[in-house]
Amino acid sequence: MALARSAIPDWYVSLWAFGRMGAGALRRKVSSRWHASYYYRELNQSMGRVWLRPGDYATQWWHDLQLPVRLWHDVYNRGDDPAAFRDWLWLVHDPKRRYDLGEGYGFSRSSAVAGLLTYRYLRLFTDLDDEIYRSKELATEQGLRDAVDLGTFVDHFIHTESLEEDL
């Protein structure tokens, strides 16, 4: 867990920089209020399901109607301003904005206590599967730590910037 935790700040900088270039699913998701393919293809696949409950689609749609597109554009388009990155980071971690981010993050129990990249870590490197959306334990910091400690199937991360050392 310590190796993954140390990589998380770098992942956020990388995610913001990628979005600054106009690329990435997050940038695409927050750039407009409506993405038809998101509702019938991406959201359910991100969550590992064939279809979601109608109420889940309605929840996502309701939040998308309130998505502050201008605010998101502003934090991506203010150049290489460190304040823009800080503002972006606040938006990404604002509980009111959790459905803005897509990927099913807003529906995850972990969104109550952890950020988007922790959610991605859970999806990619643990065997929690549907528990991410159902388990009440994941809505607490200790429950999340326990789940990561028990469910992570990665023993070591190799970073390209320290490849020789890591190998």
N, C-alpha and C. Protein backbone atom coordinates (compact mmCIF):
# COMPACT_ATOMS: atom_id res chain seq x y z
N MET A 1 0.82 -1.20 0.00
CA MET A 1 0.00 0.00 0.00
C MET A 1 0.86 1.25 0.00
N ALA A 2 1.98 1.26 0.67
CA ALA A 2 2.83 2.45 0.76
C ALA A 2 3.33 2.87 -0.62
N LEU A 3 3.66 1.92 -1.47
CA LEU A 3 4.14 2.27 -2.80
C LEU A 3 3.05 2.96 -3.61
N ALA A 4 1.84 2.42 -3.55
CA ALA A 4 0.74 3.01 -4.30
C ALA A 4 0.40 4.39 -3.76
N ARG A 5 0.42 4.55 -2.45
CA ARG A 5 0.08 5.83 -1.84
C ARG A 5 1.06 6.91 -2.29
N SER A 6 2.35 6.56 -2.42
CA SER A 6 3.34 7.55 -2.82
C SER A 6 3.17 7.97 -4.27
N ALA A 7 2.55 7.14 -5.10
CA ALA A 7 2.36 7.45 -6.51
C ALA A 7 1.14 8.33 -6.75
N ILE A 8 0.22 8.38 -5.81
CA ILE A 8 -1.04 9.07 -6.05
C ILE A 8 -0.87 10.56 -6.38
N PRO A 9 -0.04 11.35 -5.67
CA PRO A 9 0.11 12.76 -6.07
C PRO A 9 0.60 12.91 -7.51
N ASP A 10 1.52 12.06 -7.94
CA ASP A 10 2.00 12.11 -9.32
C ASP A 10 0.88 11.79 -10.29
N TRP A 11 0.01 10.86 -9.92
CA TRP A 11 -1.11 10.50 -10.79
C TRP A 11 -2.05 11.69 -10.98
N TYR A 12 -2.29 12.46 -9.93
CA TYR A 12 -3.17 13.63 -10.07
C TYR A 12 -2.55 14.69 -10.97
N VAL A 13 -1.27 14.95 -10.81
CA VAL A 13 -0.60 15.92 -11.68
C VAL A 13 -0.67 15.45 -13.13
N SER A 14 -0.42 14.17 -13.34
CA SER A 14 -0.48 13.60 -14.69
C SER A 14 -1.88 13.70 -15.28
N LEU A 15 -2.90 13.40 -14.47
CA LEU A 15 -4.29 13.46 -14.93
C LEU A 15 -4.68 14.88 -15.33
N TRP A 16 -4.26 15.87 -14.52
CA TRP A 16 -4.55 17.27 -14.85
C TRP A 16 -3.82 17.68 -16.12
N ALA A 17 -2.55 17.34 -16.23
CA ALA A 17 -1.75 17.72 -17.40
C ALA A 17 -2.32 17.08 -18.67
N PHE A 18 -2.76 15.84 -18.58
CA PHE A 18 -3.36 15.15 -19.72
C PHE A 18 -4.64 15.88 -20.14
N GLY A 19 -5.45 16.26 -19.17
CA GLY A 19 -6.66 17.02 -19.47
C GLY A 19 -6.36 18.39 -20.04
N ARG A 20 -5.29 19.01 -19.60
CA ARG A 20 -4.88 20.31 -20.14
C ARG A 20 -4.59 20.22 -21.63
N MET A 21 -4.13 19.06 -22.07
CA MET A 21 -3.85 18.86 -23.49
C MET A 21 -5.14 18.56 -24.27
N GLY A 22 -6.28 18.54 -23.57
CA GLY A 22 -7.56 18.26 -24.21
C GLY A 22 -7.85 16.78 -24.33
N ALA A 23 -7.10 15.97 -23.63
CA ALA A 23 -7.22 14.52 -23.76
C ALA A 23 -7.79 13.88 -22.50
N GLY A 24 -8.25 12.66 -22.64
CA GLY A 24 -8.66 11.87 -21.50
C GLY A 24 -10.15 11.83 -21.26
N ALA A 25 -10.58 10.74 -20.64
CA ALA A 25 -12.00 10.53 -20.35
C ALA A 25 -12.52 11.55 -19.35
N LEU A 26 -11.71 11.91 -18.36
CA LEU A 26 -12.18 12.89 -17.37
C LEU A 26 -12.44 14.24 -18.03
N ARG A 27 -11.51 14.71 -18.84
CA ARG A 27 -11.69 15.99 -19.52
C ARG A 27 -12.93 15.94 -20.41
N ARG A 28 -13.10 14.84 -21.15
CA ARG A 28 -14.27 14.71 -22.02
C ARG A 28 -15.56 14.73 -21.20
N LYS A 29 -15.56 14.06 -20.05
CA LYS A 29 -16.77 13.96 -19.23
C LYS A 29 -17.18 15.30 -18.66
N VAL A 30 -16.23 16.12 -18.20
CA VAL A 30 -16.57 17.39 -17.56
C VAL A 30 -16.70 18.54 -18.55
N SER A 31 -16.48 18.27 -19.83
CA SER A 31 -16.52 19.34 -20.84
C SER A 31 -17.90 19.65 -21.37
N SER A 32 -18.86 18.77 -21.12
CA SER A 32 -20.24 19.05 -21.53
C SER A 32 -21.20 18.27 -20.62
N ARG A 33 -22.44 18.71 -20.61
CA ARG A 33 -23.42 18.11 -19.69
C ARG A 33 -24.02 16.81 -20.18
N TRP A 34 -23.95 16.53 -21.46
CA TRP A 34 -24.65 15.37 -21.98
C TRP A 34 -23.75 14.56 -22.91
N HIS A 35 -23.62 13.29 -22.63
CA HIS A 35 -22.89 12.35 -23.47
C HIS A 35 -23.77 11.11 -23.61
N ALA A 36 -24.45 10.96 -24.71
CA ALA A 36 -25.35 9.82 -24.88
C ALA A 36 -24.61 8.50 -24.70
N SER A 37 -23.42 8.38 -25.28
CA SER A 37 -22.68 7.12 -25.18
C SER A 37 -22.27 6.82 -23.74
N TYR A 38 -22.12 7.87 -22.94
CA TYR A 38 -21.77 7.65 -21.54
C TYR A 38 -22.87 6.87 -20.82
N TYR A 39 -24.12 7.20 -21.12
CA TYR A 39 -25.24 6.55 -20.44
C TYR A 39 -25.51 5.14 -20.95
N TYR A 40 -25.36 4.89 -22.22
CA TYR A 40 -25.70 3.56 -22.69
C TYR A 40 -24.48 2.65 -22.87
N ARG A 41 -23.27 3.17 -22.73
CA ARG A 41 -22.11 2.32 -22.92
C ARG A 41 -21.09 2.44 -21.80
N GLU A 42 -20.62 3.62 -21.51
CA GLU A 42 -19.47 3.79 -20.62
C GLU A 42 -19.77 3.59 -19.14
N LEU A 43 -20.84 4.19 -18.64
CA LEU A 43 -21.11 4.14 -17.21
C LEU A 43 -21.29 2.72 -16.71
N ASN A 44 -22.14 1.96 -17.35
CA ASN A 44 -22.37 0.59 -16.90
C ASN A 44 -21.13 -0.28 -17.08
N GLN A 45 -20.38 -0.10 -18.16
CA GLN A 45 -19.16 -0.89 -18.36
C GLN A 45 -18.11 -0.54 -17.32
N SER A 46 -17.99 0.76 -16.99
CA SER A 46 -17.03 1.17 -15.97
C SER A 46 -17.32 0.51 -14.64
N MET A 47 -18.60 0.30 -14.38
CA MET A 47 -19.01 -0.29 -13.11
C MET A 47 -19.11 -1.81 -13.20
N GLY A 48 -18.74 -2.40 -14.35
CA GLY A 48 -18.74 -3.85 -14.51
C GLY A 48 -20.12 -4.46 -14.59
N ARG A 49 -21.05 -3.73 -15.15
CA ARG A 49 -22.44 -4.21 -15.23
C ARG A 49 -22.94 -4.13 -16.66
N VAL A 50 -23.93 -4.95 -16.97
CA VAL A 50 -24.57 -4.88 -18.28
C VAL A 50 -25.48 -3.65 -18.32
N TRP A 51 -26.32 -3.52 -17.31
CA TRP A 51 -27.21 -2.36 -17.19
C TRP A 51 -27.24 -1.91 -15.73
N LEU A 52 -27.51 -0.65 -15.52
CA LEU A 52 -27.69 -0.12 -14.17
C LEU A 52 -29.18 -0.04 -13.87
N ARG A 53 -29.49 0.19 -12.62
CA ARG A 53 -30.89 0.41 -12.25
C ARG A 53 -31.32 1.76 -12.84
N PRO A 54 -32.60 1.90 -13.22
CA PRO A 54 -33.07 3.19 -13.74
C PRO A 54 -32.77 4.36 -12.81
N GLY A 55 -32.86 4.12 -11.49
CA GLY A 55 -32.56 5.19 -10.53
C GLY A 55 -31.12 5.66 -10.60
N ASP A 56 -30.20 4.74 -10.92
CA ASP A 56 -28.79 5.13 -11.06
C ASP A 56 -28.60 6.03 -12.28
N TYR A 57 -29.24 5.68 -13.39
CA TYR A 57 -29.16 6.54 -14.57
C TYR A 57 -29.76 7.91 -14.27
N ALA A 58 -30.88 7.92 -13.56
CA ALA A 58 -31.54 9.19 -13.21
C ALA A 58 -30.65 10.04 -12.31
N THR A 59 -29.99 9.41 -11.35
CA THR A 59 -29.07 10.13 -10.46
C THR A 59 -27.95 10.77 -11.26
N GLN A 60 -27.34 9.99 -12.16
CA GLN A 60 -26.25 10.53 -12.97
C GLN A 60 -26.74 11.67 -13.85
N TRP A 61 -27.89 11.49 -14.48
CA TRP A 61 -28.46 12.51 -15.36
C TRP A 61 -28.72 13.80 -14.59
N TRP A 62 -29.30 13.68 -13.39
CA TRP A 62 -29.60 14.85 -12.57
C TRP A 62 -28.33 15.63 -12.23
N HIS A 63 -27.30 14.92 -11.87
CA HIS A 63 -26.03 15.59 -11.55
C HIS A 63 -25.39 16.18 -12.80
N ASP A 64 -25.52 15.51 -13.93
CA ASP A 64 -24.96 16.04 -15.17
C ASP A 64 -25.66 17.33 -15.59
N LEU A 65 -26.94 17.45 -15.30
CA LEU A 65 -27.65 18.69 -15.62
C LEU A 65 -27.08 19.89 -14.84
N GLN A 66 -26.51 19.61 -13.68
CA GLN A 66 -25.97 20.66 -12.82
C GLN A 66 -24.45 20.80 -12.94
N LEU A 67 -23.85 20.07 -13.86
CA LEU A 67 -22.40 20.09 -14.02
C LEU A 67 -21.91 21.49 -14.39
N PRO A 68 -20.97 22.05 -13.63
CA PRO A 68 -20.48 23.41 -13.90
C PRO A 68 -19.40 23.42 -14.99
N VAL A 69 -19.84 23.26 -16.24
CA VAL A 69 -18.92 23.12 -17.36
C VAL A 69 -17.93 24.28 -17.43
N ARG A 70 -18.38 25.50 -17.24
CA ARG A 70 -17.47 26.67 -17.32
C ARG A 70 -16.37 26.59 -16.26
N LEU A 71 -16.73 26.17 -15.09
CA LEU A 71 -15.75 26.05 -14.01
C LEU A 71 -14.68 25.01 -14.37
N TRP A 72 -15.11 23.88 -14.90
CA TRP A 72 -14.16 22.86 -15.32
C TRP A 72 -13.27 23.36 -16.47
N HIS A 73 -13.88 24.04 -17.44
CA HIS A 73 -13.09 24.60 -18.54
C HIS A 73 -12.05 25.57 -18.02
N ASP A 74 -12.44 26.38 -17.06
CA ASP A 74 -11.53 27.38 -16.50
C ASP A 74 -10.29 26.74 -15.89
N VAL A 75 -10.46 25.68 -15.11
CA VAL A 75 -9.29 25.08 -14.45
C VAL A 75 -8.39 24.35 -15.44
N TYR A 76 -8.93 23.97 -16.59
CA TYR A 76 -8.09 23.33 -17.61
C TYR A 76 -7.44 24.35 -18.55
N ASN A 77 -8.04 25.52 -18.69
CA ASN A 77 -7.60 26.47 -19.72
C ASN A 77 -6.82 27.67 -19.21
N ARG A 78 -6.44 27.68 -17.96
CA ARG A 78 -5.71 28.83 -17.42
C ARG A 78 -4.20 28.69 -17.56
N GLY A 79 -3.75 27.96 -18.52
CA GLY A 79 -2.31 27.81 -18.73
C GLY A 79 -1.69 26.91 -17.67
N ASP A 80 -0.40 27.05 -17.51
CA ASP A 80 0.32 26.23 -16.54
C ASP A 80 0.34 26.88 -15.17
N ASP A 81 -0.74 27.51 -14.81
CA ASP A 81 -0.88 28.22 -13.54
C ASP A 81 -1.05 27.22 -12.40
N PRO A 82 -0.13 27.22 -11.42
CA PRO A 82 -0.27 26.29 -10.28
C PRO A 82 -1.60 26.47 -9.54
N ALA A 83 -2.13 27.70 -9.53
CA ALA A 83 -3.43 27.92 -8.88
C ALA A 83 -4.54 27.18 -9.62
N ALA A 84 -4.42 27.05 -10.94
CA ALA A 84 -5.42 26.31 -11.72
C ALA A 84 -5.39 24.84 -11.32
N PHE A 85 -4.20 24.29 -11.10
CA PHE A 85 -4.11 22.90 -10.66
C PHE A 85 -4.75 22.74 -9.28
N ARG A 86 -4.47 23.66 -8.37
CA ARG A 86 -5.06 23.58 -7.03
C ARG A 86 -6.59 23.66 -7.11
N ASP A 87 -7.10 24.59 -7.94
CA ASP A 87 -8.55 24.71 -8.11
C ASP A 87 -9.13 23.44 -8.71
N TRP A 88 -8.43 22.86 -9.68
CA TRP A 88 -8.87 21.60 -10.28
C TRP A 88 -8.91 20.50 -9.23
N LEU A 89 -7.87 20.44 -8.39
CA LEU A 89 -7.80 19.42 -7.35
C LEU A 89 -8.95 19.57 -6.35
N TRP A 90 -9.30 20.81 -6.02
CA TRP A 90 -10.45 21.04 -5.13
C TRP A 90 -11.73 20.53 -5.79
N LEU A 91 -11.92 20.81 -7.08
CA LEU A 91 -13.11 20.34 -7.78
C LEU A 91 -13.17 18.81 -7.80
N VAL A 92 -12.05 18.18 -8.11
CA VAL A 92 -12.01 16.72 -8.19
C VAL A 92 -12.35 16.08 -6.84
N HIS A 93 -12.01 16.76 -5.75
CA HIS A 93 -12.26 16.18 -4.42
C HIS A 93 -13.49 16.75 -3.71
N ASP A 94 -14.23 17.61 -4.39
CA ASP A 94 -15.45 18.16 -3.81
C ASP A 94 -16.55 17.09 -3.86
N PRO A 95 -17.09 16.67 -2.71
CA PRO A 95 -18.13 15.62 -2.72
C PRO A 95 -19.33 15.97 -3.61
N LYS A 96 -19.64 17.25 -3.77
CA LYS A 96 -20.76 17.64 -4.64
C LYS A 96 -20.45 17.39 -6.12
N ARG A 97 -19.18 17.24 -6.46
CA ARG A 97 -18.77 17.07 -7.85
C ARG A 97 -18.45 15.61 -8.19
N ARG A 98 -18.71 14.68 -7.26
CA ARG A 98 -18.27 13.29 -7.47
C ARG A 98 -18.92 12.63 -8.68
N TYR A 99 -20.12 13.01 -9.06
CA TYR A 99 -20.76 12.43 -10.25
C TYR A 99 -20.24 13.08 -11.53
N ASP A 100 -19.62 14.25 -11.41
CA ASP A 100 -19.04 14.92 -12.58
C ASP A 100 -17.95 14.06 -13.21
N LEU A 101 -17.24 13.30 -12.39
CA LEU A 101 -16.01 12.65 -12.79
C LEU A 101 -16.21 11.39 -13.63
N GLY A 102 -17.42 10.86 -13.64
CA GLY A 102 -17.70 9.68 -14.45
C GLY A 102 -17.14 8.41 -13.86
N GLU A 103 -17.07 7.39 -14.69
CA GLU A 103 -16.49 6.08 -14.36
C GLU A 103 -17.23 5.34 -13.25
N GLY A 104 -18.36 5.85 -12.79
CA GLY A 104 -19.07 5.23 -11.69
C GLY A 104 -18.56 5.66 -10.33
N TYR A 105 -17.59 6.58 -10.30
CA TYR A 105 -17.00 7.02 -9.04
C TYR A 105 -18.05 7.55 -8.07
N GLY A 106 -18.99 8.34 -8.53
CA GLY A 106 -20.01 8.90 -7.66
C GLY A 106 -20.86 7.85 -6.98
N PHE A 107 -20.99 6.68 -7.59
CA PHE A 107 -21.79 5.60 -7.02
C PHE A 107 -21.01 4.74 -6.03
N SER A 108 -19.69 4.89 -6.02
CA SER A 108 -18.88 4.05 -5.15
C SER A 108 -18.98 4.50 -3.71
N ARG A 109 -18.96 3.53 -2.81
CA ARG A 109 -18.98 3.85 -1.38
C ARG A 109 -17.73 4.62 -0.98
N SER A 110 -16.62 4.35 -1.66
CA SER A 110 -15.35 4.99 -1.33
C SER A 110 -15.36 6.49 -1.63
N SER A 111 -16.28 6.96 -2.48
CA SER A 111 -16.31 8.39 -2.82
C SER A 111 -16.61 9.26 -1.61
N ALA A 112 -17.10 8.65 -0.54
CA ALA A 112 -17.37 9.41 0.69
C ALA A 112 -16.09 9.77 1.43
N VAL A 113 -15.02 9.00 1.22
CA VAL A 113 -13.79 9.22 1.99
C VAL A 113 -12.52 9.24 1.15
N ALA A 114 -12.61 8.95 -0.13
CA ALA A 114 -11.40 8.84 -0.95
C ALA A 114 -11.63 9.49 -2.32
N GLY A 115 -10.53 9.83 -2.97
CA GLY A 115 -10.59 10.50 -4.25
C GLY A 115 -10.74 9.56 -5.44
N LEU A 116 -10.84 10.18 -6.61
CA LEU A 116 -11.03 9.46 -7.86
C LEU A 116 -9.92 8.44 -8.11
N LEU A 117 -8.69 8.81 -7.85
CA LEU A 117 -7.61 7.89 -8.17
C LEU A 117 -7.51 6.74 -7.19
N THR A 118 -8.00 6.92 -5.99
CA THR A 118 -8.12 5.79 -5.07
C THR A 118 -9.18 4.83 -5.61
N TYR A 119 -10.27 5.40 -6.11
CA TYR A 119 -11.32 4.58 -6.74
C TYR A 119 -10.75 3.81 -7.93
N ARG A 120 -9.97 4.47 -8.77
CA ARG A 120 -9.35 3.78 -9.90
C ARG A 120 -8.42 2.67 -9.42
N TYR A 121 -7.69 2.96 -8.37
CA TYR A 121 -6.81 1.94 -7.78
C TYR A 121 -7.63 0.72 -7.37
N LEU A 122 -8.76 0.96 -6.69
CA LEU A 122 -9.63 -0.14 -6.26
C LEU A 122 -10.11 -0.95 -7.46
N ARG A 123 -10.50 -0.27 -8.52
CA ARG A 123 -11.02 -0.96 -9.71
C ARG A 123 -9.92 -1.75 -10.42
N LEU A 124 -8.70 -1.20 -10.47
CA LEU A 124 -7.63 -1.82 -11.23
C LEU A 124 -6.82 -2.87 -10.46
N PHE A 125 -6.60 -2.63 -9.17
CA PHE A 125 -5.62 -3.43 -8.46
C PHE A 125 -6.17 -4.22 -7.28
N THR A 126 -7.49 -4.33 -7.17
CA THR A 126 -8.07 -5.14 -6.11
C THR A 126 -9.12 -6.08 -6.70
N ASP A 127 -9.54 -7.03 -5.91
CA ASP A 127 -10.58 -7.96 -6.35
C ASP A 127 -11.93 -7.62 -5.72
N LEU A 128 -12.15 -6.34 -5.42
CA LEU A 128 -13.39 -5.93 -4.75
C LEU A 128 -14.62 -5.96 -5.66
N ASP A 129 -14.44 -5.77 -6.95
CA ASP A 129 -15.52 -5.80 -7.93
C ASP A 129 -16.74 -5.00 -7.48
N ASP A 130 -17.90 -5.65 -7.38
CA ASP A 130 -19.15 -4.95 -7.07
C ASP A 130 -19.20 -4.42 -5.63
N GLU A 131 -18.34 -4.95 -4.76
CA GLU A 131 -18.31 -4.47 -3.38
C GLU A 131 -18.00 -2.97 -3.31
N ILE A 132 -17.33 -2.45 -4.31
CA ILE A 132 -17.01 -1.02 -4.34
C ILE A 132 -18.29 -0.19 -4.25
N TYR A 133 -19.38 -0.71 -4.78
CA TYR A 133 -20.66 0.02 -4.80
C TYR A 133 -21.60 -0.41 -3.67
N ARG A 134 -21.36 -1.56 -3.07
CA ARG A 134 -22.29 -2.08 -2.07
C ARG A 134 -21.78 -2.02 -0.63
N SER A 135 -20.50 -2.26 -0.41
CA SER A 135 -19.97 -2.43 0.93
C SER A 135 -19.94 -1.14 1.73
N LYS A 136 -20.69 -1.11 2.81
CA LYS A 136 -20.74 0.07 3.68
C LYS A 136 -19.39 0.32 4.36
N GLU A 137 -18.59 -0.72 4.50
CA GLU A 137 -17.27 -0.56 5.12
C GLU A 137 -16.37 0.35 4.30
N LEU A 138 -16.57 0.38 2.99
CA LEU A 138 -15.73 1.21 2.13
C LEU A 138 -16.05 2.70 2.25
N ALA A 139 -17.11 3.03 2.98
CA ALA A 139 -17.47 4.43 3.20
C ALA A 139 -16.75 5.03 4.40
N THR A 140 -15.87 4.24 5.02
CA THR A 140 -15.07 4.75 6.13
C THR A 140 -13.60 4.61 5.78
N GLU A 141 -12.80 5.48 6.33
CA GLU A 141 -11.38 5.43 6.02
C GLU A 141 -10.74 4.11 6.47
N GLN A 142 -11.09 3.65 7.67
CA GLN A 142 -10.52 2.39 8.16
C GLN A 142 -11.01 1.20 7.33
N GLY A 143 -12.28 1.20 7.00
CA GLY A 143 -12.81 0.12 6.17
C GLY A 143 -12.14 0.08 4.80
N LEU A 144 -11.89 1.24 4.25
CA LEU A 144 -11.21 1.33 2.96
C LEU A 144 -9.77 0.80 3.07
N ARG A 145 -9.07 1.19 4.12
CA ARG A 145 -7.70 0.69 4.33
C ARG A 145 -7.69 -0.83 4.47
N ASP A 146 -8.61 -1.35 5.26
CA ASP A 146 -8.69 -2.80 5.46
C ASP A 146 -8.96 -3.52 4.13
N ALA A 147 -9.88 -2.98 3.35
CA ALA A 147 -10.23 -3.60 2.07
C ALA A 147 -9.04 -3.59 1.12
N VAL A 148 -8.31 -2.49 1.09
CA VAL A 148 -7.14 -2.41 0.22
C VAL A 148 -6.07 -3.40 0.69
N ASP A 149 -5.84 -3.46 1.99
CA ASP A 149 -4.83 -4.38 2.52
C ASP A 149 -5.18 -5.84 2.22
N LEU A 150 -6.47 -6.19 2.29
CA LEU A 150 -6.88 -7.56 2.06
C LEU A 150 -7.09 -7.90 0.58
N GLY A 151 -7.53 -6.90 -0.20
CA GLY A 151 -7.94 -7.19 -1.57
C GLY A 151 -6.96 -6.85 -2.67
N THR A 152 -5.86 -6.17 -2.35
CA THR A 152 -4.90 -5.80 -3.38
C THR A 152 -4.12 -7.01 -3.85
N PHE A 153 -4.06 -7.19 -5.16
CA PHE A 153 -3.31 -8.33 -5.69
C PHE A 153 -2.01 -7.91 -6.37
N VAL A 154 -1.58 -6.67 -6.16
CA VAL A 154 -0.31 -6.18 -6.69
C VAL A 154 0.70 -6.16 -5.56
N ASP A 155 1.85 -6.73 -5.79
CA ASP A 155 2.90 -6.76 -4.77
C ASP A 155 3.85 -5.58 -4.88
N HIS A 156 4.07 -5.09 -6.10
CA HIS A 156 5.05 -4.02 -6.28
C HIS A 156 4.74 -3.25 -7.56
N PHE A 157 4.94 -1.94 -7.52
CA PHE A 157 4.79 -1.11 -8.69
C PHE A 157 6.16 -0.72 -9.21
N ILE A 158 6.33 -0.75 -10.50
CA ILE A 158 7.57 -0.29 -11.12
C ILE A 158 7.26 1.05 -11.78
N HIS A 159 8.02 2.06 -11.42
CA HIS A 159 7.85 3.40 -11.96
C HIS A 159 8.88 3.63 -13.06
N THR A 160 8.45 4.14 -14.20
CA THR A 160 9.40 4.35 -15.30
C THR A 160 10.49 5.35 -14.93
N GLU A 161 10.17 6.32 -14.07
CA GLU A 161 11.18 7.32 -13.68
C GLU A 161 12.24 6.74 -12.76
N SER A 162 11.99 5.58 -12.18
CA SER A 162 12.99 4.93 -11.34
C SER A 162 13.10 3.45 -11.70
N LEU A 163 13.06 3.17 -12.99
CA LEU A 163 13.01 1.80 -13.49
C LEU A 163 14.18 0.96 -13.01
N GLU A 164 15.40 1.47 -13.17
CA GLU A 164 16.57 0.68 -12.76
C GLU A 164 16.53 0.38 -11.28
N GLU A 165 16.22 1.38 -10.48
CA GLU A 165 16.16 1.19 -9.02
C GLU A 165 15.08 0.20 -8.62
N ASP A 166 13.89 0.33 -9.24
CA ASP A 166 12.78 -0.56 -8.92
C ASP A 166 13.06 -2.01 -9.32
N LEU A 167 13.72 -2.18 -10.46
CA LEU A 167 14.04 -3.54 -10.90
C LEU A 167 15.11 -4.15 -10.02
